[in-house]
Amino acid sequence: MTHLTEQAVTVTPATQVKLAPTAQPRHCVGIVGGTFNPVHNGHLVMADQVMQQLKLERVLFIPDANPPHVDHKTAISAKDRTAMVALAIQDHPGFELDTLEIARGGKSYTYDTLVELKRRHPENDYFLILGADMIAYLPKWYRIADLAKLVTFVGVRRPGFPVKSKYPVIWVDAPQLATSSTQLRQLVAQGRSIQYLVPDAVASYIKEKGLYHA
C-alpha cells in the first residue's frame, strides 16, 4: 500500500507551475523469513492472506544463511533452499525472493536484516509475518527491543497459542495447514507423497535433486 502526499501547487503571474517539495511515498512490504527446508504451501498461504488483509504491496521471502536455532544435520545447501523458494513463488506477482541473508553469510539475525533493509529502502515500512508460535518466542530474539523499533510484527493466529505479546502485534486469521518442513522431510525420506503439500515445481525439484532421501 502506497501512501502519497499531495503536492502543493503555486501559480505565478507568468502561469509557471512550481511543485513544492513533498515527503517520499511510503511503501508497505511484508517479510517472511525462515530456513525454507523446504518451503511449503503453509508459507505461501500465510504470506498471501496477510498481504491481502493488510493490503501490502508485496511480500519478501528471505531464506536464512545459518539460522542459529537449526539442527545443521538436517540442513541442505542455501543454493537448493533458495532455488525452491524461487520456484514456489514464481507465479505470484506480489511475492519476491531476497537473498540478502545468504549473501551476508554467518548467523542470520532478523535485527541485522532489518537494519540492512531500512538502509537500502528507507521509504519502506516493513511487516514481519510470524506464526503465533514464533510470536511467543519474541522475547528471546536477538536485540528484540531494537528490532521492534524497525518493524511491525504480524501474528497469524494458531490453535493452542495465546493471542498476546509484550510487543505490539497485528493479529490476522488465515487457513491452517498442518504442514511443517520437518514433516515433509520425513515423508520424502519414507518415500511417501508430498503432493498438495508443496508447489508441484518444488516437489519436482526435490525429486530431481534427490533431496531429503534417507
Protein backbone atom coordinates (compact mmCIF):
# COMPACT_ATOMS: atom_id res chain seq x y z
CA MET A 1 0.00 0.00 0.00
CA THR A 2 1.50 3.31 -1.06
CA HIS A 3 0.74 6.43 0.92
CA LEU A 4 1.07 9.51 -1.28
CA THR A 5 1.17 13.08 -0.08
CA GLU A 6 -0.43 15.86 -2.09
CA GLN A 7 1.91 18.27 -3.81
CA ALA A 8 1.31 21.96 -3.20
CA VAL A 9 0.99 23.94 -6.43
CA THR A 10 1.71 27.68 -6.75
CA VAL A 11 0.64 29.52 -9.93
CA THR A 12 2.69 32.64 -10.76
CA PRO A 13 1.50 35.54 -12.88
CA ALA A 14 3.50 34.02 -15.74
CA THR A 15 1.43 30.85 -15.28
CA GLN A 16 4.52 28.87 -14.34
CA VAL A 17 3.77 25.93 -12.10
CA LYS A 18 6.12 25.18 -9.20
CA LEU A 19 5.89 21.94 -7.27
CA ALA A 20 6.70 22.23 -3.59
CA PRO A 21 8.91 19.51 -2.09
CA THR A 22 6.95 16.52 -0.84
CA ALA A 23 7.69 13.68 1.55
CA GLN A 24 8.82 10.44 -0.04
CA PRO A 25 5.94 7.98 -0.59
CA ARG A 26 5.74 5.16 1.96
CA HIS A 27 5.50 1.53 0.87
CA CYS A 28 4.18 -1.35 2.97
CA VAL A 29 6.23 -4.52 2.48
CA GLY A 30 5.81 -7.87 4.20
CA ILE A 31 8.63 -10.22 5.18
CA VAL A 32 8.54 -13.99 5.55
CA GLY A 33 11.85 -15.36 6.74
CA GLY A 34 12.96 -18.87 7.54
CA THR A 35 15.13 -21.78 6.60
CA PHE A 36 12.60 -22.99 3.99
CA ASN A 37 13.92 -26.53 4.29
CA PRO A 38 11.77 -26.98 2.25
CA VAL A 39 9.34 -24.15 1.53
CA HIS A 40 5.74 -25.41 1.57
CA ASN A 41 2.17 -24.32 0.90
CA GLY A 42 1.69 -23.22 4.51
CA HIS A 43 4.30 -20.49 3.98
CA LEU A 44 2.54 -19.34 0.82
CA VAL A 45 -0.97 -19.29 2.28
CA MET A 46 0.19 -17.32 5.32
CA ALA A 47 2.01 -14.75 3.19
CA ASP A 48 -0.88 -14.35 0.76
CA GLN A 49 -3.51 -13.98 3.49
CA VAL A 50 -1.52 -11.29 5.31
CA MET A 51 -0.73 -9.50 2.06
CA GLN A 52 -4.41 -9.31 1.11
CA GLN A 53 -5.77 -8.47 4.55
CA LEU A 54 -3.22 -5.73 5.30
CA LYS A 55 -3.08 -4.55 1.69
CA LEU A 56 0.69 -4.87 1.45
CA GLU A 57 2.36 -4.00 -1.85
CA ARG A 58 4.48 -7.15 -1.82
CA VAL A 59 5.99 -9.81 0.42
CA LEU A 60 9.70 -10.64 0.55
CA PHE A 61 10.76 -14.24 1.14
CA ILE A 62 14.17 -14.18 2.82
CA PRO A 63 15.93 -17.55 3.29
CA ASP A 64 18.30 -17.86 6.25
CA ALA A 65 22.01 -18.35 5.70
CA ASN A 66 22.92 -20.02 9.01
CA PRO A 67 19.97 -19.74 11.40
CA PRO A 68 21.21 -20.02 15.00
CA HIS A 69 18.42 -22.42 16.08
CA VAL A 70 18.52 -25.01 13.27
CA ASP A 71 19.92 -28.53 13.55
CA HIS A 72 22.70 -28.46 10.97
CA LYS A 73 22.44 -32.22 10.45
CA THR A 74 19.14 -31.72 8.63
CA ALA A 75 20.07 -28.56 6.72
CA ILE A 76 20.72 -28.58 3.00
CA SER A 77 22.61 -26.04 0.93
CA ALA A 78 21.43 -22.45 0.75
CA LYS A 79 21.53 -22.81 -3.03
CA ASP A 80 18.89 -25.56 -3.01
CA ARG A 81 16.69 -23.85 -0.43
CA THR A 82 16.81 -20.59 -2.39
CA ALA A 83 16.03 -22.36 -5.65
CA MET A 84 12.94 -23.98 -4.12
CA VAL A 85 11.67 -20.63 -2.82
CA ALA A 86 12.13 -19.10 -6.27
CA LEU A 87 10.11 -21.95 -7.81
CA ALA A 88 7.41 -21.73 -5.14
CA ILE A 89 6.70 -18.01 -5.60
CA GLN A 90 7.25 -17.66 -9.35
CA ASP A 91 3.54 -17.45 -10.20
CA HIS A 92 2.56 -14.92 -7.52
CA PRO A 93 3.00 -11.31 -8.71
CA GLY A 94 3.27 -9.96 -5.17
CA PHE A 95 5.94 -12.37 -3.88
CA GLU A 96 9.67 -11.66 -4.23
CA LEU A 97 12.84 -13.53 -3.28
CA ASP A 98 15.51 -11.57 -1.39
CA THR A 99 18.84 -13.33 -0.78
CA LEU A 100 20.47 -10.69 1.40
CA GLU A 101 20.95 -13.10 4.31
CA ILE A 102 22.51 -15.71 2.05
CA ALA A 103 24.85 -13.09 0.60
CA ARG A 104 25.77 -11.77 4.06
CA GLY A 105 26.53 -15.23 5.42
CA GLY A 106 27.07 -16.03 9.07
CA LYS A 107 24.22 -16.32 11.54
CA SER A 108 21.00 -14.82 10.24
CA TYR A 109 19.65 -12.43 12.84
CA THR A 110 16.43 -10.64 11.90
CA TYR A 111 17.64 -7.41 13.50
CA ASP A 112 20.68 -7.27 11.18
CA THR A 113 18.43 -7.97 8.20
CA LEU A 114 16.03 -5.14 9.07
CA VAL A 115 18.89 -2.69 9.57
CA GLU A 116 20.11 -3.52 6.06
CA LEU A 117 16.65 -3.36 4.51
CA LYS A 118 15.96 0.05 6.08
CA ARG A 119 19.33 1.28 4.88
CA ARG A 120 18.58 0.20 1.33
CA HIS A 121 14.97 1.34 1.28
CA PRO A 122 14.18 4.00 3.91
CA GLU A 123 10.90 4.63 2.10
CA ASN A 124 9.56 1.19 3.11
CA ASP A 125 7.58 0.21 6.19
CA TYR A 126 8.20 -3.47 6.95
CA PHE A 127 5.77 -6.02 8.38
CA LEU A 128 7.34 -9.19 9.77
CA ILE A 129 4.93 -12.11 9.30
CA LEU A 130 5.12 -14.78 12.00
CA GLY A 131 3.04 -17.69 13.22
CA ALA A 132 1.64 -17.37 16.73
CA ASP A 133 4.18 -19.94 17.92
CA MET A 134 7.03 -17.67 16.85
CA ILE A 135 5.39 -14.61 18.42
CA ALA A 136 5.64 -16.43 21.75
CA TYR A 137 9.42 -16.64 21.32
CA LEU A 138 9.98 -12.96 20.51
CA PRO A 139 11.37 -12.12 23.98
CA LYS A 140 14.29 -14.49 23.25
CA TRP A 141 15.19 -12.93 19.88
CA TYR A 142 18.46 -11.15 19.31
CA ARG A 143 18.14 -7.39 20.06
CA ILE A 144 14.39 -7.71 20.16
CA ALA A 145 13.80 -4.24 21.68
CA ASP A 146 15.73 -2.63 18.83
CA LEU A 147 14.06 -4.85 16.23
CA ALA A 148 10.62 -3.77 17.48
CA LYS A 149 11.51 -0.19 16.55
CA LEU A 150 12.28 -1.17 12.95
CA VAL A 151 9.38 -3.42 12.02
CA THR A 152 5.71 -4.12 12.68
CA PHE A 153 5.04 -7.66 13.90
CA VAL A 154 2.16 -9.51 12.24
CA GLY A 155 0.96 -12.62 14.06
CA VAL A 156 -1.04 -15.35 12.34
CA ARG A 157 -3.36 -16.98 14.84
CA ARG A 158 -2.86 -20.69 15.54
CA PRO A 159 -4.84 -23.03 17.80
CA GLY A 160 -3.26 -23.50 21.21
CA PHE A 161 -1.18 -20.31 21.16
CA PRO A 162 -2.22 -17.15 23.03
CA VAL A 163 -3.06 -14.02 21.08
CA LYS A 164 -0.92 -11.76 23.19
CA SER A 165 2.60 -10.37 23.36
CA LYS A 166 4.55 -7.75 25.28
CA TYR A 167 5.32 -6.24 21.86
CA PRO A 168 2.79 -4.58 19.52
CA VAL A 169 1.36 -7.21 17.15
CA ILE A 170 -1.23 -7.03 14.38
CA TRP A 171 -3.15 -10.32 14.53
CA VAL A 172 -4.72 -11.89 11.45
CA ASP A 173 -6.62 -15.07 10.69
CA ALA A 174 -5.55 -17.47 7.95
CA PRO A 175 -6.49 -21.04 6.94
CA GLN A 176 -4.49 -23.52 8.99
CA LEU A 177 -2.41 -26.01 7.01
CA ALA A 178 -0.97 -28.66 9.31
CA THR A 179 2.29 -28.84 7.41
CA SER A 180 5.84 -28.39 8.59
CA SER A 181 9.19 -28.67 6.87
CA THR A 182 10.20 -31.38 9.34
CA GLN A 183 7.17 -33.49 8.38
CA LEU A 184 7.89 -33.01 4.70
CA ARG A 185 11.49 -34.18 5.08
CA GLN A 186 10.24 -37.25 6.92
CA LEU A 187 7.68 -38.04 4.22
CA VAL A 188 10.30 -37.81 1.48
CA ALA A 189 12.72 -39.98 3.46
CA GLN A 190 9.96 -42.59 3.79
CA GLY A 191 9.22 -42.49 0.07
CA ARG A 192 5.75 -41.02 0.61
CA SER A 193 3.99 -38.39 -1.48
CA ILE A 194 4.20 -34.67 -0.72
CA GLN A 195 1.78 -33.71 -3.48
CA TYR A 196 -0.56 -30.87 -2.49
CA LEU A 197 1.72 -30.01 0.44
CA VAL A 198 4.27 -28.13 -1.66
CA PRO A 199 4.01 -26.50 -5.10
CA ASP A 200 4.47 -29.01 -7.93
CA ALA A 201 7.67 -27.29 -9.05
CA VAL A 202 9.15 -27.72 -5.57
CA ALA A 203 8.19 -31.40 -5.44
CA SER A 204 9.82 -31.93 -8.83
CA TYR A 205 12.99 -30.15 -7.70
CA ILE A 206 13.25 -32.29 -4.56
CA LYS A 207 12.86 -35.45 -6.64
CA GLU A 208 15.28 -34.32 -9.35
CA LYS A 209 17.99 -33.34 -6.85
CA GLY A 210 17.43 -36.34 -4.59
CA LEU A 211 16.92 -34.13 -1.55
CA TYR A 212 15.91 -35.49 1.87
CA HIS A 213 16.13 -39.14 0.87
CA ALA A 214 17.29 -41.47 3.63
